[in-house]
Structure formats: C-alpha cells, structure tokens
Amino acid sequence: MRLDVVTIFPEYLEPLNVSLVGKARARGQLDVHVHDLRDWTYDRHNTVDDTPYGGGPGMVMKTDPWGEALDSALADGYETGSHAPALIVPTPSGRPFTQELAVELSERPWLVFTPARYEGIDRRVIDEYATRMPVYEVSIGDYVLAGGEAAVLVVTEAVARLLPGVLGNAESHRDDSFAPGAMANLLEGPVYTKPPRWRDRGIPETLLSGHHGRIARWRRDEALKRTTANRPDLIERCDPKAFDKKDREMLSILGWAPDPAGEPYGRFWRRVDGVEE
C-alpha cells in the first residue's frame, strides 16, 4: 500500500517511522510519502491560508498550494506504478471512523491524506479531486483538534495493522473490539499475564483452571460487563440472535431486557428500576 500525506507540519508525522507502521515501512509493506504543503507556495511568507469569503473567524487554506501539491503527489504515484488512489480528508464534520471503515481502506492500494489546519481547506479542492477518485471525509471523534495530522496517525495505524503480514499473528485482529462481521461487536474484557501475583493482586481463578470452556465463558461475560459499562449502545445495536442462553442470563443480571414486542429475538434495552428505558 502507498500512503501520501500533504501537511504543513511534516515533523508531526514522525511516529510513522516507529512501531508496527515503521516496521511495515522497513519491510516494504507500506510506502509512505510525506509532502510539505509549503513547497508549493511562491511568496516570501509561504502563505497557505487566506480570509474566508462571507466573513467570519479564522482562516481558510488556499486552493493553489493544495491543488499543486496533490497533482504532484498523484503524478509521482502513477509514475512509480501506483493505482486507484482514494482521498482521505480528516474533518470533524466527516463520517465516523470505525473498524469497518478501517477494513475497507486497508483493501485499497493507495491512500492520499489531506490533514488541514485553521478552518479547513477551500471546498473546491475536495470537490475537484472527487471527480478523479473516491473521497472519504472521516472524523475520529466528536471533538475538534488544531489540525488533522493526529487523525492521519490514527487512521494509518488502524489500517496498517490490517495489511497482510504486518501483525505477527495474522489472526490477532479478528478478535479485536469492533471487528466487523460479528453479529455482536462487544468490547474486549480484561487481560492478564505473569506474574501470578502483583502487589497482593491475583489472577481470576478461572483463567488458571485450564478449562477452555469456562475460560471462554468468563471472557464473554467480562466483555458483556465492560460493554454495558462503557458502550451500552453497542449492545442496543447488536443482532439479538448473537446472544446465547448464557449471554442472556448475564445481560439480565446486568440490567438488560429484550424488547417484549420482539420476543424471543427482540433487541435489548436497559431497565431502570424495573422499567425499560
């Protein structure tokens, strides 16, 4: 996979040289090109922004530097044999970035990122390149950052670990929280390793039992508990057919009840003082 990133802060992308992403680059599984947007400015101040039409606070990133930078990055990619680029636009107003979208992007051969600063990029730039390639406007959360570089790092790591050969164990990502394809996407429960005691804290006895069925049940129950505590919306969205009898017993203990109108496979809702929310 090829990645191009156009930014006014190339140094922000240094983490792409370490950890799994750095190793993938070293092995040739990921071909990363970081471009300084200011290389396509021609005034003495290397200006990349201007005041917005219509007034208002903040500045807007200019069309010409972005257009020339993207044209150059695309030309270089095509000349070296890359194909089928997709434009990734980090923005708080984009679609939520999910594991499902990470899987979709990992299947594309070439991603081009446009992390913006200030109030964003002149919309004409995005509209122009949307005529040439798929555009993904993505948000990594309901908050606003100073720029999109952090989102580039998030998306890149989520995508890179899905590429063949990047993870040491090819099956590792299949059990991730939010892994697509399962009817019930639950958060993973707690994990433990040696030593068996640390600061007077032990390991759950079930994990030491060697009984694979009991261990699997314990992990499933812990996943249900953690999902109930931190992301109850995931349980509300789950296909109820994904829950077996033991799941339903634990969900009942945790305060969940199926929709009476949909028995026996109605979606689950939280009970409050004996009343469904």
C-alpha atoms as a PDB file:
ATOM      1  CA  MET A   1       0.000   0.000   0.000  1.00  0.00           C
ATOM      2  CA  ARG A   2       1.125   3.535  -0.788  1.00  0.00           C
ATOM      3  CA  LEU A   3       0.351   6.471   1.531  1.00  0.00           C
ATOM      4  CA  ASP A   4       0.775  10.148   0.665  1.00  0.00           C
ATOM      5  CA  VAL A   5       0.308  12.853   3.279  1.00  0.00           C
ATOM      6  CA  VAL A   6       0.306  16.572   2.441  1.00  0.00           C
ATOM      7  CA  THR A   7       0.795  18.741   5.531  1.00  0.00           C
ATOM      8  CA  ILE A   8       2.326  21.983   6.753  1.00  0.00           C
ATOM      9  CA  PHE A   9       3.869  20.063   9.671  1.00  0.00           C
ATOM     10  CA  PRO A  10       5.818  17.098   8.228  1.00  0.00           C
ATOM     11  CA  GLU A  11       7.546  16.596  11.581  1.00  0.00           C
ATOM     12  CA  TYR A  12       4.171  15.719  13.114  1.00  0.00           C
ATOM     13  CA  LEU A  13       4.220  12.520  11.071  1.00  0.00           C
ATOM     14  CA  GLU A  14       7.465  11.195  12.592  1.00  0.00           C
ATOM     15  CA  PRO A  15       5.550   8.481  14.530  1.00  0.00           C
ATOM     16  CA  LEU A  16       5.019   6.798  11.148  1.00  0.00           C
ATOM     17  CA  ASN A  17       8.671   5.700  11.465  1.00  0.00           C
ATOM     18  CA  VAL A  18       8.163   3.643  14.634  1.00  0.00           C
ATOM     19  CA  SER A  19       6.250   0.637  15.948  1.00  0.00           C
ATOM     20  CA  LEU A  20       4.175  -1.520  13.588  1.00  0.00           C
ATOM     21  CA  VAL A  21       3.889   1.186  10.949  1.00  0.00           C
ATOM     22  CA  GLY A  22       7.640   1.801  10.956  1.00  0.00           C
ATOM     23  CA  LYS A  23       8.349  -1.929  10.666  1.00  0.00           C
ATOM     24  CA  ALA A  24       5.839  -2.233   7.822  1.00  0.00           C
ATOM     25  CA  ARG A  25       7.643   0.597   6.030  1.00  0.00           C
ATOM     26  CA  ALA A  26      11.016  -1.045   6.581  1.00  0.00           C
ATOM     27  CA  ARG A  27       9.716  -4.320   5.127  1.00  0.00           C
ATOM     28  CA  GLY A  28       8.240  -2.565   2.107  1.00  0.00           C
ATOM     29  CA  GLN A  29       4.619  -3.348   3.028  1.00  0.00           C
ATOM     30  CA  LEU A  30       3.819   0.333   3.381  1.00  0.00           C
ATOM     31  CA  ASP A  31       5.247   3.016   1.093  1.00  0.00           C
ATOM     32  CA  VAL A  32       4.845   6.371   2.880  1.00  0.00           C
ATOM     33  CA  HIS A  33       5.458   9.779   1.294  1.00  0.00           C
ATOM     34  CA  VAL A  34       5.103  12.941   3.405  1.00  0.00           C
ATOM     35  CA  HIS A  35       4.920  16.228   1.481  1.00  0.00           C
ATOM     36  CA  ASP A  36       5.345  19.749   2.875  1.00  0.00           C
ATOM     37  CA  LEU A  37       2.485  21.876   1.513  1.00  0.00           C
ATOM     38  CA  ARG A  38       4.658  24.991   1.722  1.00  0.00           C
ATOM     39  CA  ASP A  39       6.856  23.595  -1.065  1.00  0.00           C
ATOM     40  CA  TRP A  40       4.039  24.661  -3.391  1.00  0.00           C
ATOM     41  CA  THR A  41       3.864  28.282  -2.241  1.00  0.00           C
ATOM     42  CA  TYR A  42       5.689  31.041  -4.084  1.00  0.00           C
ATOM     43  CA  ASP A  43       5.563  34.150  -1.898  1.00  0.00           C
ATOM     44  CA  ARG A  44       8.237  35.009   0.641  1.00  0.00           C
ATOM     45  CA  HIS A  45       5.938  34.139   3.568  1.00  0.00           C
ATOM     46  CA  ASN A  46       4.988  30.696   2.166  1.00  0.00           C
ATOM     47  CA  THR A  47       1.338  31.575   2.635  1.00  0.00           C
ATOM     48  CA  VAL A  48      -1.119  28.672   2.669  1.00  0.00           C
ATOM     49  CA  ASP A  49      -4.232  30.431   4.000  1.00  0.00           C
ATOM     50  CA  ASP A  50      -6.434  33.494   3.484  1.00  0.00           C
ATOM     51  CA  THR A  51      -9.537  35.119   4.949  1.00  0.00           C
ATOM     52  CA  PRO A  52     -12.881  33.360   4.323  1.00  0.00           C
ATOM     53  CA  TYR A  53     -15.415  34.646   1.812  1.00  0.00           C
ATOM     54  CA  GLY A  54     -18.530  35.733   3.668  1.00  0.00           C
ATOM     55  CA  GLY A  55     -16.568  36.800   6.713  1.00  0.00           C
ATOM     56  CA  GLY A  56     -16.211  35.010   9.998  1.00  0.00           C
ATOM     57  CA  PRO A  57     -13.387  33.977  12.321  1.00  0.00           C
ATOM     58  CA  GLY A  58     -10.326  32.009  11.312  1.00  0.00           C
ATOM     59  CA  MET A  59      -8.553  31.435   8.030  1.00  0.00           C
ATOM     60  CA  VAL A  60      -9.149  29.030   5.143  1.00  0.00           C
ATOM     61  CA  MET A  61      -6.430  27.023   3.386  1.00  0.00           C
ATOM     62  CA  LYS A  62      -5.884  28.186  -0.194  1.00  0.00           C
ATOM     63  CA  THR A  63      -6.683  26.262  -3.365  1.00  0.00           C
ATOM     64  CA  ASP A  64      -3.472  26.677  -5.360  1.00  0.00           C
ATOM     65  CA  PRO A  65      -0.953  25.136  -2.916  1.00  0.00           C
ATOM     66  CA  TRP A  66      -3.253  22.178  -2.292  1.00  0.00           C
ATOM     67  CA  GLY A  67      -4.011  21.661  -5.961  1.00  0.00           C
ATOM     68  CA  GLU A  68      -0.366  21.706  -6.986  1.00  0.00           C
ATOM     69  CA  ALA A  69       0.712  19.509  -4.071  1.00  0.00           C
ATOM     70  CA  LEU A  70      -1.928  16.887  -4.786  1.00  0.00           C
ATOM     71  CA  ASP A  71      -1.226  16.928  -8.523  1.00  0.00           C
ATOM     72  CA  SER A  72       2.466  16.379  -7.807  1.00  0.00           C
ATOM     73  CA  ALA A  73       1.846  13.552  -5.328  1.00  0.00           C
ATOM     74  CA  LEU A  74      -0.545  11.842  -7.725  1.00  0.00           C
ATOM     75  CA  ALA A  75       1.814  12.203 -10.674  1.00  0.00           C
ATOM     76  CA  ASP A  76       4.660  10.683  -8.675  1.00  0.00           C
ATOM     77  CA  GLY A  77       2.478   7.790  -7.578  1.00  0.00           C
ATOM     78  CA  TYR A  78       1.275   6.995 -11.069  1.00  0.00           C
ATOM     79  CA  GLU A  79       4.822   7.197 -12.447  1.00  0.00           C
ATOM     80  CA  THR A  80       6.009   4.614  -9.910  1.00  0.00           C
ATOM     81  CA  GLY A  81       3.181   2.189 -10.666  1.00  0.00           C
ATOM     82  CA  SER A  82       0.608   3.044  -8.014  1.00  0.00           C
ATOM     83  CA  HIS A  83      -3.039   2.989  -8.989  1.00  0.00           C
ATOM     84  CA  ALA A  84      -6.590   3.579  -7.724  1.00  0.00           C
ATOM     85  CA  PRO A  85      -5.945   6.373  -5.213  1.00  0.00           C
ATOM     86  CA  ALA A  86      -8.509   7.422  -2.611  1.00  0.00           C
ATOM     87  CA  LEU A  87      -8.516  10.817  -0.907  1.00  0.00           C
ATOM     88  CA  ILE A  88      -8.823  10.753   2.902  1.00  0.00           C
ATOM     89  CA  VAL A  89      -9.970  14.077   4.372  1.00  0.00           C
ATOM     90  CA  PRO A  90      -9.798  14.228   8.185  1.00  0.00           C
ATOM     91  CA  THR A  91     -12.551  16.562   9.408  1.00  0.00           C
ATOM     92  CA  PRO A  92     -14.848  16.836  12.451  1.00  0.00           C
ATOM     93  CA  SER A  93     -17.763  17.001  10.000  1.00  0.00           C
ATOM     94  CA  GLY A  94     -16.900  13.673   8.345  1.00  0.00           C
ATOM     95  CA  ARG A  95     -18.338  10.189   8.832  1.00  0.00           C
ATOM     96  CA  PRO A  96     -17.177   8.420  11.999  1.00  0.00           C
ATOM     97  CA  PHE A  97     -14.019   6.402  11.557  1.00  0.00           C
ATOM     98  CA  THR A  98     -14.802   2.818  12.553  1.00  0.00           C
ATOM     99  CA  GLN A  99     -13.119  -0.568  12.403  1.00  0.00           C
ATOM    100  CA  GLU A 100     -15.368  -1.409   9.478  1.00  0.00           C
ATOM    101  CA  LEU A 101     -14.084   1.614   7.578  1.00  0.00           C
ATOM    102  CA  ALA A 102     -10.501   0.719   8.528  1.00  0.00           C
ATOM    103  CA  VAL A 103     -11.020  -2.688   6.913  1.00  0.00           C
ATOM    104  CA  GLU A 104     -12.453  -1.040   3.794  1.00  0.00           C
ATOM    105  CA  LEU A 105      -9.490   1.324   3.496  1.00  0.00           C
ATOM    106  CA  SER A 106      -6.992  -1.491   4.093  1.00  0.00           C
ATOM    107  CA  GLU A 107      -8.234  -3.087   0.871  1.00  0.00           C
ATOM    108  CA  ARG A 108      -7.342  -0.025  -1.199  1.00  0.00           C
ATOM    109  CA  PRO A 109      -3.852   0.161  -2.755  1.00  0.00           C
ATOM    110  CA  TRP A 110      -3.250   3.905  -2.330  1.00  0.00           C
ATOM    111  CA  LEU A 111      -4.435   6.467   0.231  1.00  0.00           C
ATOM    112  CA  VAL A 112      -3.806  10.222  -0.045  1.00  0.00           C
ATOM    113  CA  PHE A 113      -4.335  12.236   3.172  1.00  0.00           C
ATOM    114  CA  THR A 114      -5.134  15.954   3.399  1.00  0.00           C
ATOM    115  CA  PRO A 115      -4.797  16.991   7.059  1.00  0.00           C
ATOM    116  CA  ALA A 116      -5.961  20.598   7.236  1.00  0.00           C
ATOM    117  CA  ARG A 117      -5.328  23.412   9.692  1.00  0.00           C
ATOM    118  CA  TYR A 118      -7.243  26.602  10.543  1.00  0.00           C
ATOM    119  CA  GLU A 119     -10.885  26.420   9.382  1.00  0.00           C
ATOM    120  CA  GLY A 120     -10.163  23.774   6.773  1.00  0.00           C
ATOM    121  CA  ILE A 121      -9.435  23.602   3.047  1.00  0.00           C
ATOM    122  CA  ASP A 122     -11.303  25.602   0.416  1.00  0.00           C
ATOM    123  CA  ARG A 123     -14.142  23.244  -0.530  1.00  0.00           C
ATOM    124  CA  ARG A 124     -13.359  23.500  -4.220  1.00  0.00           C
ATOM    125  CA  VAL A 125     -10.233  21.402  -3.686  1.00  0.00           C
ATOM    126  CA  ILE A 126     -12.202  18.465  -2.298  1.00  0.00           C
ATOM    127  CA  ASP A 127     -14.856  18.803  -4.991  1.00  0.00           C
ATOM    128  CA  GLU A 128     -12.201  18.875  -7.717  1.00  0.00           C
ATOM    129  CA  TYR A 129     -10.494  15.669  -6.626  1.00  0.00           C
ATOM    130  CA  ALA A 130     -13.812  13.951  -6.002  1.00  0.00           C
ATOM    131  CA  THR A 131     -14.147  13.906  -9.814  1.00  0.00           C
ATOM    132  CA  ARG A 132     -10.941  11.882 -10.032  1.00  0.00           C
ATOM    133  CA  MET A 133     -11.097   9.432  -7.127  1.00  0.00           C
ATOM    134  CA  PRO A 134     -13.212   8.284  -4.177  1.00  0.00           C
ATOM    135  CA  VAL A 135     -13.195  10.756  -1.275  1.00  0.00           C
ATOM    136  CA  TYR A 136     -13.559   9.693   2.353  1.00  0.00           C
ATOM    137  CA  GLU A 137     -14.280  12.529   4.773  1.00  0.00           C
ATOM    138  CA  VAL A 138     -13.656  10.972   8.187  1.00  0.00           C
ATOM    139  CA  SER A 139     -13.871  12.031  11.828  1.00  0.00           C
ATOM    140  CA  ILE A 140     -12.008  10.252  14.621  1.00  0.00           C
ATOM    141  CA  GLY A 141     -14.337  11.601  17.312  1.00  0.00           C
ATOM    142  CA  ASP A 142     -16.752  14.268  18.444  1.00  0.00           C
ATOM    143  CA  TYR A 143     -14.146  16.874  19.293  1.00  0.00           C
ATOM    144  CA  VAL A 144     -12.023  19.423  17.459  1.00  0.00           C
ATOM    145  CA  LEU A 145      -8.225  19.327  17.171  1.00  0.00           C
ATOM    146  CA  ALA A 146      -5.825  22.007  15.995  1.00  0.00           C
ATOM    147  CA  GLY A 147      -5.225  20.031  12.803  1.00  0.00           C
ATOM    148  CA  GLY A 148      -5.757  16.750  11.037  1.00  0.00           C
ATOM    149  CA  GLU A 149      -2.314  15.195  11.472  1.00  0.00           C
ATOM    150  CA  ALA A 150      -3.306  13.310  14.625  1.00  0.00           C
ATOM    151  CA  ALA A 151      -6.205  11.797  12.683  1.00  0.00           C
ATOM    152  CA  VAL A 152      -3.784  10.692   9.956  1.00  0.00           C
ATOM    153  CA  LEU A 153      -1.762   8.804  12.561  1.00  0.00           C
ATOM    154  CA  VAL A 154      -4.892   7.175  13.984  1.00  0.00           C
ATOM    155  CA  VAL A 155      -6.247   6.094  10.602  1.00  0.00           C
ATOM    156  CA  THR A 156      -2.850   4.910   9.359  1.00  0.00           C
ATOM    157  CA  GLU A 157      -2.194   2.700  12.377  1.00  0.00           C
ATOM    158  CA  ALA A 158      -5.698   1.235  12.288  1.00  0.00           C
ATOM    159  CA  VAL A 159      -5.354   0.463   8.583  1.00  0.00           C
ATOM    160  CA  ALA A 160      -1.709  -0.674   8.539  1.00  0.00           C
ATOM    161  CA  ARG A 161      -2.187  -3.374  11.189  1.00  0.00           C
ATOM    162  CA  LEU A 162      -4.788  -4.982   8.919  1.00  0.00           C
ATOM    163  CA  LEU A 163      -2.388  -5.371   5.991  1.00  0.00           C
ATOM    164  CA  PRO A 164      -1.199  -8.933   5.334  1.00  0.00           C
ATOM    165  CA  GLY A 165       1.998  -9.723   7.201  1.00  0.00           C
ATOM    166  CA  VAL A 166       2.067  -6.601   9.402  1.00  0.00           C
ATOM    167  CA  LEU A 167       0.909  -8.304  12.604  1.00  0.00           C
ATOM    168  CA  GLY A 168       2.999 -11.194  13.887  1.00  0.00           C
ATOM    169  CA  ASN A 169      -0.147 -13.267  14.354  1.00  0.00           C
ATOM    170  CA  ALA A 170      -2.351 -12.945  11.296  1.00  0.00           C
ATOM    171  CA  GLU A 171      -5.430 -13.835  13.365  1.00  0.00           C
ATOM    172  CA  SER A 172      -4.852 -11.166  16.037  1.00  0.00           C
ATOM    173  CA  HIS A 173      -7.133  -8.521  14.571  1.00  0.00           C
ATOM    174  CA  ARG A 174     -10.044 -10.933  14.123  1.00  0.00           C
ATOM    175  CA  ASP A 175     -10.800 -10.794  17.865  1.00  0.00           C
ATOM    176  CA  ASP A 176     -10.474  -7.011  18.133  1.00  0.00           C
ATOM    177  CA  SER A 177     -13.189  -4.923  19.693  1.00  0.00           C
ATOM    178  CA  PHE A 178     -15.407  -3.666  16.840  1.00  0.00           C
ATOM    179  CA  ALA A 179     -14.126  -6.331  14.433  1.00  0.00           C
ATOM    180  CA  PRO A 180     -16.643  -6.392  11.565  1.00  0.00           C
ATOM    181  CA  GLY A 181     -18.564  -9.485  10.575  1.00  0.00           C
ATOM    182  CA  ALA A 182     -19.746 -10.484  14.040  1.00  0.00           C
ATOM    183  CA  MET A 183     -23.386 -10.098  14.999  1.00  0.00           C
ATOM    184  CA  ALA A 184     -22.343  -8.882  18.448  1.00  0.00           C
ATOM    185  CA  ASN A 185     -19.488  -6.376  18.480  1.00  0.00           C
ATOM    186  CA  LEU A 186     -18.514  -6.253  22.149  1.00  0.00           C
ATOM    187  CA  LEU A 187     -15.578  -4.588  23.861  1.00  0.00           C
ATOM    188  CA  GLU A 188     -12.806  -6.945  24.880  1.00  0.00           C
ATOM    189  CA  GLY A 189     -12.585  -7.804  28.571  1.00  0.00           C
ATOM    190  CA  PRO A 190      -9.521  -7.508  30.837  1.00  0.00           C
ATOM    191  CA  VAL A 191      -6.337  -9.453  30.132  1.00  0.00           C
ATOM    192  CA  TYR A 192      -3.592 -10.749  32.449  1.00  0.00           C
ATOM    193  CA  THR A 193      -0.052 -12.149  32.261  1.00  0.00           C
ATOM    194  CA  LYS A 194       2.764 -13.249  34.598  1.00  0.00           C
ATOM    195  CA  PRO A 195       3.496 -12.945  37.497  1.00  0.00           C
ATOM    196  CA  PRO A 196       0.513 -14.671  39.108  1.00  0.00           C
ATOM    197  CA  ARG A 197       0.533 -12.175  41.998  1.00  0.00           C
ATOM    198  CA  TRP A 198       1.427  -8.495  41.890  1.00  0.00           C
ATOM    199  CA  ARG A 199       1.047  -6.136  44.859  1.00  0.00           C
ATOM    200  CA  ASP A 200      -1.281  -8.622  46.508  1.00  0.00           C
ATOM    201  CA  ARG A 201      -3.448  -8.781  43.417  1.00  0.00           C
ATOM    202  CA  GLY A 202      -4.041 -12.185  41.888  1.00  0.00           C
ATOM    203  CA  ILE A 203      -5.385 -13.616  38.644  1.00  0.00           C
ATOM    204  CA  PRO A 204      -9.046 -14.689  38.283  1.00  0.00           C
ATOM    205  CA  GLU A 205      -9.122 -18.373  39.206  1.00  0.00           C
ATOM    206  CA  THR A 206     -10.969 -19.281  36.027  1.00  0.00           C
ATOM    207  CA  LEU A 207      -8.004 -18.242  33.896  1.00  0.00           C
ATOM    208  CA  LEU A 208      -5.768 -20.615  35.879  1.00  0.00           C
ATOM    209  CA  SER A 209      -8.169 -23.547  35.622  1.00  0.00           C
ATOM    210  CA  GLY A 210      -7.084 -24.822  32.214  1.00  0.00           C
ATOM    211  CA  HIS A 211     -10.758 -25.402  31.427  1.00  0.00           C
ATOM    212  CA  HIS A 212     -11.184 -23.884  27.963  1.00  0.00           C
ATOM    213  CA  GLY A 213     -14.983 -23.774  28.104  1.00  0.00           C
ATOM    214  CA  ARG A 214     -15.039 -21.960  31.455  1.00  0.00           C
ATOM    215  CA  ILE A 215     -12.347 -19.549  30.295  1.00  0.00           C
ATOM    216  CA  ALA A 216     -14.274 -18.727  27.111  1.00  0.00           C
ATOM    217  CA  ARG A 217     -17.440 -18.148  29.150  1.00  0.00           C
ATOM    218  CA  TRP A 218     -15.579 -15.913  31.626  1.00  0.00           C
ATOM    219  CA  ARG A 219     -14.146 -13.815  28.802  1.00  0.00           C
ATOM    220  CA  ARG A 220     -17.562 -13.489  27.195  1.00  0.00           C
ATOM    221  CA  ASP A 221     -19.154 -12.395  30.490  1.00  0.00           C
ATOM    222  CA  GLU A 222     -16.398  -9.851  31.086  1.00  0.00           C
ATOM    223  CA  ALA A 223     -16.920  -8.486  27.576  1.00  0.00           C
ATOM    224  CA  LEU A 224     -20.633  -8.087  28.295  1.00  0.00           C
ATOM    225  CA  LYS A 225     -19.851  -6.315  31.586  1.00  0.00           C
ATOM    226  CA  ARG A 226     -17.342  -3.918  30.044  1.00  0.00           C
ATOM    227  CA  THR A 227     -19.587  -3.149  27.080  1.00  0.00           C
ATOM    228  CA  THR A 228     -22.515  -2.470  29.423  1.00  0.00           C
ATOM    229  CA  ALA A 229     -20.383  -0.086  31.488  1.00  0.00           C
ATOM    230  CA  ASN A 230     -18.602   1.769  28.675  1.00  0.00           C
ATOM    231  CA  ARG A 231     -20.556   1.347  25.443  1.00  0.00           C
ATOM    232  CA  PRO A 232     -24.148   0.222  26.096  1.00  0.00           C
ATOM    233  CA  ASP A 233     -25.085   1.489  22.642  1.00  0.00           C
ATOM    234  CA  LEU A 234     -23.208  -1.467  21.153  1.00  0.00           C
ATOM    235  CA  ILE A 235     -25.471  -3.933  22.925  1.00  0.00           C
ATOM    236  CA  GLU A 236     -28.551  -1.991  21.848  1.00  0.00           C
ATOM    237  CA  ARG A 237     -27.403  -2.293  18.234  1.00  0.00           C
ATOM    238  CA  CYS A 238     -26.461  -5.966  18.407  1.00  0.00           C
ATOM    239  CA  ASP A 239     -28.349  -8.575  16.481  1.00  0.00           C
ATOM    240  CA  PRO A 240     -30.108 -10.361  19.376  1.00  0.00           C
ATOM    241  CA  LYS A 241     -29.586 -13.705  17.643  1.00  0.00           C
ATOM    242  CA  ALA A 242     -25.925 -13.331  18.568  1.00  0.00           C
ATOM    243  CA  PHE A 243     -26.726 -13.871  22.263  1.00  0.00           C
ATOM    244  CA  ASP A 244     -26.991 -17.443  23.534  1.00  0.00           C
ATOM    245  CA  LYS A 245     -28.770 -18.562  26.704  1.00  0.00           C
ATOM    246  CA  LYS A 246     -25.780 -17.808  28.952  1.00  0.00           C
ATOM    247  CA  ASP A 247     -25.353 -14.371  27.358  1.00  0.00           C
ATOM    248  CA  ARG A 248     -28.985 -13.601  28.059  1.00  0.00           C
ATOM    249  CA  GLU A 249     -28.616 -14.664  31.678  1.00  0.00           C
ATOM    250  CA  MET A 250     -25.651 -12.308  32.120  1.00  0.00           C
ATOM    251  CA  LEU A 251     -27.427  -9.487  30.303  1.00  0.00           C
ATOM    252  CA  SER A 252     -30.380  -9.889  32.645  1.00  0.00           C
ATOM    253  CA  ILE A 253     -28.049  -9.666  35.662  1.00  0.00           C
ATOM    254  CA  LEU A 254     -26.559  -6.510  34.150  1.00  0.00           C
ATOM    255  CA  GLY A 255     -29.996  -4.899  33.828  1.00  0.00           C
ATOM    256  CA  TRP A 256     -30.885  -5.654  30.224  1.00  0.00           C
ATOM    257  CA  ALA A 257     -34.171  -6.981  28.901  1.00  0.00           C
ATOM    258  CA  PRO A 258     -35.289  -7.895  25.368  1.00  0.00           C
ATOM    259  CA  ASP A 259     -37.985  -5.865  23.676  1.00  0.00           C
ATOM    260  CA  PRO A 260     -41.219  -7.697  24.573  1.00  0.00           C
ATOM    261  CA  ALA A 261     -42.620  -6.966  21.125  1.00  0.00           C
ATOM    262  CA  GLY A 262     -39.806  -8.901  19.536  1.00  0.00           C
ATOM    263  CA  GLU A 263     -39.542 -11.982  21.742  1.00  0.00           C
ATOM    264  CA  PRO A 264     -37.592 -14.157  21.673  1.00  0.00           C
ATOM    265  CA  TYR A 265     -35.179 -12.192  19.489  1.00  0.00           C
ATOM    266  CA  GLY A 266     -36.090  -8.595  20.276  1.00  0.00           C
ATOM    267  CA  ARG A 267     -33.220  -6.155  20.698  1.00  0.00           C
ATOM    268  CA  PHE A 268     -32.091  -5.494  24.252  1.00  0.00           C
ATOM    269  CA  TRP A 269     -32.834  -2.358  26.285  1.00  0.00           C
ATOM    270  CA  ARG A 270     -31.578  -1.209  29.677  1.00  0.00           C
ATOM    271  CA  ARG A 271     -34.006  -1.482  32.596  1.00  0.00           C
ATOM    272  CA  VAL A 272     -34.236   1.377  35.087  1.00  0.00           C
ATOM    273  CA  ASP A 273     -35.923   0.469  38.392  1.00  0.00           C
ATOM    274  CA  GLY A 274     -37.754  -2.330  36.679  1.00  0.00           C
ATOM    275  CA  VAL A 275     -38.837  -0.155  33.744  1.00  0.00           C
ATOM    276  CA  GLU A 276     -37.256  -0.358  30.303  1.00  0.00           C
ATOM    277  CA  GLU A 277     -35.572   2.802  29.050  1.00  0.00           C
END
